[in-house]
Amino acid sequence: MGKALDGVRILDFTHVQSGPTCTQLLAWFGADVIKVERAGAGDITREQLRDIPDVDSLYFTMLNHNKRSVTIDTKNPEGKLVLEALIQKCDVLVENFAPGALDRMGFTWERIQELNPRMIVASVKGFGPGPYEDCKVYENVAQCAGGAASTTGFDDGPPVVSGAQIGDSGTGLHLALGIVTALYQRTMTGRGQRVLAAMQDGVLNLCRVKLRDQQRLERTGTMKEYPQYPNGTFGEAVPRAGNASGGGQPGWILKCKGWETDPNAYIYFITQAPVWTKICNVIGKEEWATDPDYATPAARLPHLKDIFAEIERWTMTKTKFEAMEILNKYDIPCGPILSMKEIAEEPSLRKTGTIVEVDHPTRGKYLTVGNPIKLSDSPTEVTRSPLLGEHTDEVMAELGYSVEQISALRMAGAI
């Protein structure tokens, strides 16, 4: 059975993380992704954060699986002709250049439409139209400008950025959905279109519950599920809420046995209303189930700190995995704080393809993430990232260039 995106050809002008996340996902679904790189250098992440000298870094390899690499000098007139031929043959051009870079290369939207009216041009930018649209943006800048940092951390500390790459990879995922949607619309209209995913917009989309809370705060002046209630104060903007849940179910991170020496010996515990009686029984506070100060969700809100302190006295007698096993018997929602080492060694994640071991000709074997989206009729096989320019001759031959012509282009520095 074929792959979901068999027959779709992607011209990949992306680099670093946001764009490559998008194109790797499309490649996992079966699209032919042709990554265009500079001869002799390539994507800057090939050399960033290297752990083995003169070998493509994990940063690069983990973002560019299932792709083909070609090298083209787009400033060379002959190289520009090669690029025009690729545009005519491809379905989607994806880029995350600085604003205006494609135009300066001579490939405006109008020019691309002349070459291929069915072409979809998809872009990651830091900001959408507005006062900051020409600013350079990186992961943490996007988290700050998109509302994530101001609402992350504890109220008595500074804003905090997340370890999850919601600015880069999060925006890449948004862009991939936009591309697939545009491809679907093209089946009816026959026309290409532009797709834009701004990093600020992507982060905000992932922070929508905080925009919800901003409006609630403006209307009521307080938010009872936040740890600032009832003794703290609320200002004009949504405060940082520590480890409080973003929903209506109060939760917190609690210490487990071994926390003194293991920085990840913790569990996330949610005091879900339907299992409150079970929680009381497990931690030995059966009387709370009927006590008017604890029996209802509304009554518990002013006492959440005391409640979690009592629950923590119980979790500290168990490892996070022991606590997880006991709590799951009673359908009490919880989750262990898993380190990257624990995740890398988890057999179930290997079995589902969420963690994959890949063999690379110069790096050897390494671990990477697999496709997080599983399709029953289009399973993903993760193949290694390409070496720089590894597929240049192959792609040129597919465009109709002869061996002699390819050799001439290489002599001219066009490829």
Protein backbone atom coordinates (compact mmCIF):
# COMPACT_ATOMS: atom_id res chain seq x y z
CA MET A 1 0.00 0.00 0.00
CA GLY A 2 1.30 3.47 -0.88
CA LYS A 3 2.04 6.28 1.50
CA ALA A 4 -0.51 8.99 2.27
CA LEU A 5 1.45 11.70 0.41
CA ASP A 6 2.88 9.56 -2.39
CA GLY A 7 3.28 11.68 -5.53
CA VAL A 8 3.62 14.98 -3.66
CA ARG A 9 6.98 16.65 -4.27
CA ILE A 10 8.23 19.25 -1.79
CA LEU A 11 10.95 21.80 -2.57
CA ASP A 12 12.45 22.34 0.87
CA PHE A 13 14.23 25.66 1.36
CA THR A 14 14.04 25.42 5.14
CA HIS A 15 16.80 25.40 7.72
CA VAL A 16 17.35 25.10 11.48
CA GLN A 17 14.16 23.80 13.17
CA SER A 18 10.73 25.27 12.39
CA GLY A 19 10.72 24.58 8.65
CA PRO A 20 12.56 21.24 8.80
CA THR A 21 10.04 20.02 11.39
CA CYS A 22 7.29 20.70 8.88
CA THR A 23 8.99 19.09 5.89
CA GLN A 24 10.16 16.07 7.89
CA LEU A 25 6.56 15.38 8.90
CA LEU A 26 5.48 15.56 5.25
CA ALA A 27 8.36 13.24 4.31
CA TRP A 28 7.27 10.77 6.98
CA PHE A 29 3.85 10.67 5.32
CA GLY A 30 5.47 9.80 1.99
CA ALA A 31 6.13 13.12 0.25
CA ASP A 32 9.33 13.38 -1.80
CA VAL A 33 11.13 16.17 0.05
CA ILE A 34 14.05 17.71 -1.83
CA LYS A 35 16.15 19.79 0.55
CA VAL A 36 18.02 22.59 -1.21
CA GLU A 37 21.31 23.51 0.49
CA ARG A 38 24.37 25.63 -0.12
CA ALA A 39 27.31 23.71 -1.56
CA GLY A 40 30.08 23.16 0.97
CA ALA A 41 28.03 24.36 3.93
CA GLY A 42 24.40 23.30 3.87
CA ASP A 43 21.92 23.79 6.68
CA ILE A 44 23.75 25.55 9.52
CA THR A 45 22.56 22.92 11.98
CA ARG A 46 24.78 20.32 10.31
CA GLU A 47 27.63 21.82 12.36
CA GLN A 48 25.78 23.18 15.41
CA LEU A 49 26.08 21.41 18.79
CA ARG A 50 28.26 18.66 17.34
CA ASP A 51 29.16 15.75 19.59
CA ILE A 52 31.37 14.07 16.97
CA PRO A 53 33.92 16.18 15.02
CA ASP A 54 33.21 16.72 11.31
CA VAL A 55 29.99 14.69 11.42
CA ASP A 56 26.45 15.99 10.92
CA SER A 57 25.10 16.97 14.32
CA LEU A 58 22.16 15.34 16.03
CA TYR A 59 20.43 18.70 15.68
CA PHE A 60 20.47 18.26 11.91
CA THR A 61 19.93 14.52 11.68
CA MET A 62 16.88 14.52 13.96
CA LEU A 63 15.11 17.15 11.84
CA ASN A 64 15.84 15.91 8.33
CA HIS A 65 14.94 12.24 8.06
CA ASN A 66 13.40 10.79 4.90
CA LYS A 67 14.63 13.70 2.74
CA ARG A 68 16.92 14.07 -0.26
CA SER A 69 19.62 16.74 -0.34
CA VAL A 70 20.72 18.75 -3.37
CA THR A 71 23.15 21.64 -3.52
CA ILE A 72 22.34 24.64 -5.72
CA ASP A 73 23.94 28.08 -5.92
CA THR A 74 20.86 30.21 -6.51
CA LYS A 75 23.04 33.28 -7.18
CA ASN A 76 24.59 31.53 -10.15
CA PRO A 77 22.53 32.09 -13.35
CA GLU A 78 22.76 28.40 -14.23
CA GLY A 79 21.82 27.47 -10.70
CA LYS A 80 18.79 29.74 -10.92
CA LEU A 81 17.66 27.89 -14.03
CA VAL A 82 17.93 24.61 -12.15
CA LEU A 83 15.77 26.05 -9.40
CA GLU A 84 13.20 27.21 -11.95
CA ALA A 85 13.06 23.65 -13.32
CA LEU A 86 12.48 22.33 -9.79
CA ILE A 87 9.69 24.82 -9.17
CA GLN A 88 7.99 23.65 -12.34
CA LYS A 89 8.18 20.01 -11.17
CA CYS A 90 7.27 20.42 -7.48
CA ASP A 91 3.95 20.86 -5.71
CA VAL A 92 5.03 22.84 -2.65
CA LEU A 93 7.87 25.23 -1.84
CA VAL A 94 8.53 25.56 1.89
CA GLU A 95 10.79 28.27 3.30
CA ASN A 96 11.66 29.95 6.58
CA PHE A 97 14.00 32.63 5.25
CA ALA A 98 14.08 36.14 6.66
CA PRO A 99 11.21 38.29 5.33
CA GLY A 100 11.72 39.24 1.68
CA ALA A 101 14.55 36.75 1.01
CA LEU A 102 12.69 34.86 -1.72
CA ASP A 103 11.83 38.12 -3.45
CA ARG A 104 15.47 39.19 -3.40
CA MET A 105 16.40 35.86 -5.00
CA GLY A 106 14.08 36.77 -7.88
CA PHE A 107 11.35 34.33 -6.88
CA THR A 108 8.41 36.53 -5.99
CA TRP A 109 4.98 34.98 -5.62
CA GLU A 110 4.10 36.30 -9.05
CA ARG A 111 7.21 34.76 -10.64
CA ILE A 112 6.56 31.40 -8.99
CA GLN A 113 2.97 31.50 -10.25
CA GLU A 114 4.26 32.11 -13.78
CA LEU A 115 6.49 29.06 -13.52
CA ASN A 116 3.89 26.84 -11.83
CA PRO A 117 0.35 28.11 -11.13
CA ARG A 118 -0.32 24.99 -9.02
CA MET A 119 2.60 25.68 -6.70
CA ILE A 120 1.86 26.14 -2.99
CA VAL A 121 4.34 28.45 -1.27
CA ALA A 122 4.46 27.85 2.49
CA SER A 123 6.37 30.09 4.85
CA VAL A 124 7.31 30.23 8.51
CA LYS A 125 7.82 33.76 9.76
CA GLY A 126 8.43 35.13 13.22
CA PHE A 127 5.50 37.51 13.17
CA GLY A 128 2.54 38.10 10.91
CA PRO A 129 1.79 41.49 9.35
CA GLY A 130 2.20 44.26 11.89
CA PRO A 131 4.83 46.27 13.74
CA TYR A 132 7.25 43.35 14.21
CA GLU A 133 6.93 41.53 10.89
CA ASP A 134 10.50 42.31 9.83
CA CYS A 135 12.08 41.19 13.12
CA LYS A 136 14.24 38.09 13.42
CA VAL A 137 12.72 35.48 15.71
CA TYR A 138 14.08 32.41 17.47
CA GLU A 139 12.39 29.81 19.68
CA ASN A 140 12.52 31.67 22.97
CA VAL A 141 11.60 34.99 21.38
CA ALA A 142 8.46 33.37 19.98
CA GLN A 143 7.59 31.92 23.38
CA CYS A 144 7.94 35.35 24.93
CA ALA A 145 6.02 37.22 22.24
CA GLY A 146 3.31 34.57 22.01
CA GLY A 147 2.29 34.73 25.67
CA ALA A 148 3.86 31.48 26.89
CA ALA A 149 6.73 32.88 28.97
CA SER A 150 4.65 35.43 30.87
CA THR A 151 2.33 32.67 32.05
CA THR A 152 4.99 30.03 32.81
CA GLY A 153 6.88 29.70 36.08
CA PHE A 154 6.04 30.64 39.63
CA ASP A 155 4.46 33.90 40.71
CA ASP A 156 7.44 34.95 42.83
CA GLY A 157 9.93 34.41 40.00
CA PRO A 158 10.67 35.69 36.49
CA PRO A 159 8.96 34.53 33.29
CA VAL A 160 10.18 31.11 32.14
CA VAL A 161 10.44 29.56 28.68
CA SER A 162 9.38 25.97 28.18
CA GLY A 163 11.75 23.13 27.34
CA ALA A 164 9.26 22.10 24.66
CA GLN A 165 10.01 23.78 21.34
CA ILE A 166 6.55 25.22 20.91
CA GLY A 167 7.84 28.17 18.89
CA ASP A 168 9.88 26.26 16.31
CA SER A 169 8.51 22.73 16.15
CA GLY A 170 5.03 23.88 17.16
CA THR A 171 4.88 26.31 14.26
CA GLY A 172 6.28 23.67 11.90
CA LEU A 173 3.38 21.40 12.82
CA HIS A 174 0.91 24.20 12.16
CA LEU A 175 2.51 24.86 8.77
CA ALA A 176 2.32 21.18 7.81
CA LEU A 177 -1.43 21.21 8.42
CA GLY A 178 -1.75 24.36 6.31
CA ILE A 179 0.15 22.71 3.45
CA VAL A 180 -1.95 19.55 3.49
CA THR A 181 -5.10 21.69 3.58
CA ALA A 182 -3.92 23.75 0.61
CA LEU A 183 -3.10 20.57 -1.30
CA TYR A 184 -6.61 19.31 -0.66
CA GLN A 185 -8.16 22.58 -1.83
CA ARG A 186 -6.01 22.46 -4.96
CA THR A 187 -7.69 19.20 -5.96
CA MET A 188 -10.87 21.24 -6.42
CA THR A 189 -9.55 24.60 -7.62
CA GLY A 190 -6.44 23.53 -9.53
CA ARG A 191 -4.66 26.56 -8.09
CA GLY A 192 -1.79 26.99 -5.69
CA GLN A 193 -1.82 29.49 -2.86
CA ARG A 194 0.36 30.97 -0.15
CA VAL A 195 0.40 29.46 3.34
CA LEU A 196 1.78 31.44 6.28
CA ALA A 197 2.46 30.23 9.82
CA ALA A 198 3.84 32.94 12.11
CA MET A 199 5.66 31.74 15.21
CA GLN A 200 3.92 34.26 17.46
CA ASP A 201 0.56 33.03 16.17
CA GLY A 202 1.50 29.38 16.65
CA VAL A 203 2.60 29.91 20.25
CA LEU A 204 -0.54 31.89 21.02
CA ASN A 205 -2.68 29.11 19.57
CA LEU A 206 -1.02 26.70 21.99
CA CYS A 207 -1.60 29.20 24.83
CA ARG A 208 -5.28 29.79 24.15
CA VAL A 209 -6.33 28.77 27.69
CA LYS A 210 -4.34 31.70 29.02
CA LEU A 211 -6.18 34.08 26.66
CA ARG A 212 -9.35 32.52 28.06
CA ASP A 213 -8.12 33.26 31.58
CA GLN A 214 -7.24 36.86 30.69
CA GLN A 215 -10.87 37.51 29.81
CA ARG A 216 -12.11 35.72 32.91
CA LEU A 217 -9.74 37.78 35.05
CA GLU A 218 -10.94 41.04 33.54
CA ARG A 219 -14.54 40.07 34.26
CA THR A 220 -14.21 38.63 37.76
CA GLY A 221 -10.93 39.97 39.16
CA THR A 222 -9.93 36.54 40.43
CA MET A 223 -9.35 32.95 39.30
CA LYS A 224 -10.10 30.48 42.04
CA GLU A 225 -8.20 27.55 40.54
CA TYR A 226 -4.91 29.52 40.54
CA PRO A 227 -2.55 29.07 43.55
CA GLN A 228 -2.80 32.81 44.29
CA TYR A 229 -6.34 32.17 45.54
CA PRO A 230 -7.50 32.90 48.21
CA ASN A 231 -4.62 34.67 49.99
CA GLY A 232 -2.72 36.17 47.05
CA THR A 233 -3.58 39.08 44.82
CA PHE A 234 -4.34 39.28 41.11
CA GLY A 235 -3.13 42.08 38.87
CA GLU A 236 -4.34 43.14 35.43
CA ALA A 237 -2.73 40.26 33.53
CA VAL A 238 -2.89 36.49 33.88
CA PRO A 239 -0.22 35.53 36.46
CA ARG A 240 2.20 32.66 36.46
CA ALA A 241 0.53 29.67 38.05
CA GLY A 242 3.36 27.30 38.88
CA ASN A 243 2.25 23.74 38.21
CA ALA A 244 -1.46 24.42 38.43
CA SER A 245 -3.56 22.78 35.74
CA GLY A 246 -4.68 24.84 32.77
CA GLY A 247 -8.15 23.36 33.07
CA GLY A 248 -10.77 23.04 35.75
CA GLN A 249 -9.13 20.05 37.48
CA PRO A 250 -6.66 21.18 40.19
CA GLY A 251 -3.25 19.53 39.83
CA TRP A 252 0.28 19.88 41.19
CA ILE A 253 3.71 18.24 41.01
CA LEU A 254 4.49 16.33 44.19
CA LYS A 255 7.64 14.75 45.63
CA CYS A 256 8.07 10.98 45.58
CA LYS A 257 10.50 8.67 47.35
CA GLY A 258 14.06 9.54 46.40
CA TRP A 259 13.44 13.19 45.54
CA GLU A 260 16.41 14.25 47.67
CA THR A 261 18.87 12.76 45.16
CA ASP A 262 16.77 12.29 41.99
CA PRO A 263 15.66 15.58 40.40
CA ASN A 264 12.88 13.73 38.59
CA ALA A 265 11.42 11.74 41.49
CA TYR A 266 8.09 13.53 41.22
CA ILE A 267 4.56 12.83 40.06
CA TYR A 268 1.83 15.05 38.68
CA PHE A 269 -1.35 14.52 40.68
CA ILE A 270 -4.84 15.76 39.74
CA THR A 271 -7.58 15.99 42.37
CA GLN A 272 -10.35 15.16 39.94
CA ALA A 273 -13.81 15.61 41.46
CA PRO A 274 -15.34 12.24 40.43
CA VAL A 275 -12.59 10.30 42.26
CA TRP A 276 -12.28 12.55 45.30
CA THR A 277 -13.55 9.88 47.69
CA LYS A 278 -11.00 7.40 46.30
CA ILE A 279 -8.23 9.96 46.79
CA CYS A 280 -9.27 10.44 50.40
CA ASN A 281 -9.22 6.70 50.99
CA VAL A 282 -5.82 6.17 49.35
CA ILE A 283 -4.05 8.87 51.38
CA GLY A 284 -5.79 7.92 54.64
CA LYS A 285 -7.98 11.03 54.95
CA GLU A 286 -11.36 9.30 54.69
CA GLU A 287 -13.04 12.04 56.73
CA TRP A 288 -12.39 14.60 53.99
CA ALA A 289 -14.91 12.86 51.74
CA THR A 290 -17.79 14.16 53.88
CA ASP A 291 -16.21 17.18 55.59
CA PRO A 292 -18.05 20.32 54.34
CA ASP A 293 -14.67 22.10 53.93
CA TYR A 294 -13.45 19.43 51.49
CA ALA A 295 -16.44 17.50 50.14
CA THR A 296 -17.10 19.65 47.04
CA PRO A 297 -14.78 21.12 44.40
CA ALA A 298 -15.78 24.68 45.34
CA ALA A 299 -15.16 24.02 49.03
CA ARG A 300 -11.72 22.55 48.27
CA LEU A 301 -10.39 25.50 46.28
CA PRO A 302 -9.31 27.61 49.28
CA HIS A 303 -7.57 24.55 50.77
CA LEU A 304 -5.66 23.27 47.75
CA LYS A 305 -2.20 23.92 49.22
CA ASP A 306 -3.08 21.98 52.36
CA ILE A 307 -4.65 19.19 50.30
CA PHE A 308 -1.60 18.76 48.09
CA ALA A 309 0.69 18.90 51.12
CA GLU A 310 -1.24 15.99 52.63
CA ILE A 311 -1.20 14.03 49.37
CA GLU A 312 2.55 14.67 49.11
CA ARG A 313 3.08 13.09 52.51
CA TRP A 314 1.65 9.94 50.94
CA THR A 315 3.53 10.17 47.59
CA MET A 316 6.84 10.63 49.42
CA THR A 317 6.47 7.10 50.76
CA LYS A 318 6.31 5.67 47.21
CA THR A 319 8.45 5.84 44.10
CA LYS A 320 6.76 7.64 41.24
CA PHE A 321 6.11 4.32 39.52
CA GLU A 322 4.68 2.71 42.67
CA ALA A 323 2.41 5.69 43.19
CA MET A 324 1.36 5.56 39.53
CA GLU A 325 0.46 1.88 39.78
CA ILE A 326 -1.64 2.36 42.93
CA LEU A 327 -3.43 5.49 41.71
CA ASN A 328 -4.28 4.04 38.31
CA LYS A 329 -6.17 1.19 40.02
CA TYR A 330 -8.61 3.83 41.22
CA ASP A 331 -8.66 5.89 37.99
CA ILE A 332 -6.97 8.79 39.78
CA PRO A 333 -5.29 10.89 37.05
CA CYS A 334 -1.55 11.21 37.52
CA GLY A 335 1.71 10.98 35.62
CA PRO A 336 5.35 10.41 36.52
CA ILE A 337 7.92 13.07 35.71
CA LEU A 338 9.98 11.15 33.14
CA SER A 339 13.53 12.23 32.36
CA MET A 340 14.90 12.13 28.83
CA LYS A 341 17.02 9.14 29.89
CA GLU A 342 13.92 7.27 31.03
CA ILE A 343 12.04 8.15 27.86
CA ALA A 344 14.96 7.05 25.67
CA GLU A 345 15.02 3.68 27.41
CA GLU A 346 11.25 3.06 27.48
CA PRO A 347 10.52 -0.15 25.48
CA SER A 348 6.92 0.75 24.64
CA LEU A 349 8.02 3.93 22.86
CA ARG A 350 10.46 1.91 20.76
CA LYS A 351 7.72 -0.59 19.92
CA THR A 352 5.31 2.09 18.65
CA GLY A 353 7.99 3.92 16.66
CA THR A 354 7.80 7.05 18.82
CA ILE A 355 11.50 6.55 19.59
CA VAL A 356 13.55 5.10 16.71
CA GLU A 357 17.14 3.95 16.35
CA VAL A 358 18.66 5.00 13.02
CA ASP A 359 21.98 4.02 11.45
CA HIS A 360 24.00 6.80 9.80
CA PRO A 361 27.04 6.23 7.53
CA THR A 362 29.33 8.61 9.42
CA ARG A 363 27.64 8.97 12.81
CA GLY A 364 26.68 5.36 13.42
CA LYS A 365 23.55 4.47 15.36
CA TYR A 366 21.60 7.12 17.24
CA LEU A 367 18.15 7.65 18.71
CA THR A 368 15.59 10.02 17.25
CA VAL A 369 11.92 10.77 17.49
CA GLY A 370 9.63 8.99 15.08
CA ASN A 371 6.35 10.14 13.60
CA PRO A 372 4.03 11.14 16.47
CA ILE A 373 1.00 10.70 14.19
CA LYS A 374 0.11 7.12 13.37
CA LEU A 375 -1.92 6.25 10.25
CA SER A 376 -3.22 2.69 9.98
CA ASP A 377 -2.86 2.59 6.17
CA SER A 378 0.36 4.61 5.92
CA PRO A 379 2.92 3.41 8.49
CA THR A 380 6.06 5.51 8.79
CA GLU A 381 9.52 4.12 8.17
CA VAL A 382 12.13 6.56 9.45
CA THR A 383 15.17 6.69 7.17
CA ARG A 384 18.38 8.56 7.90
CA SER A 385 19.01 12.19 7.07
CA PRO A 386 20.89 12.86 3.81
CA LEU A 387 24.52 13.77 3.52
CA LEU A 388 25.13 17.21 2.04
CA GLY A 389 24.30 17.14 -1.69
CA GLU A 390 23.94 13.35 -1.62
CA HIS A 391 21.09 13.33 -4.15
CA THR A 392 22.08 16.20 -6.44
CA ASP A 393 22.92 14.04 -9.45
CA GLU A 394 19.87 11.85 -8.90
CA VAL A 395 17.46 14.79 -8.80
CA MET A 396 19.16 16.50 -11.75
CA ALA A 397 18.72 13.33 -13.81
CA GLU A 398 15.02 13.29 -12.89
CA LEU A 399 14.78 16.85 -14.23
CA GLY A 400 16.16 15.62 -17.57
CA TYR A 401 19.78 16.74 -17.29
CA SER A 402 22.35 14.46 -18.90
CA VAL A 403 25.53 13.30 -17.21
CA GLU A 404 27.49 15.78 -19.32
CA GLN A 405 25.18 18.65 -18.42
CA ILE A 406 25.38 17.80 -14.72
CA SER A 407 29.16 17.77 -14.95
CA ALA A 408 29.15 21.15 -16.70
CA LEU A 409 26.88 22.65 -14.04
CA ARG A 410 29.19 21.40 -11.34
CA MET A 411 32.21 22.86 -13.12
CA ALA A 412 30.38 26.19 -13.34
CA GLY A 413 29.67 26.13 -9.60
CA ALA A 414 25.92 26.08 -10.16
CA ILE A 415 25.39 22.87 -8.16
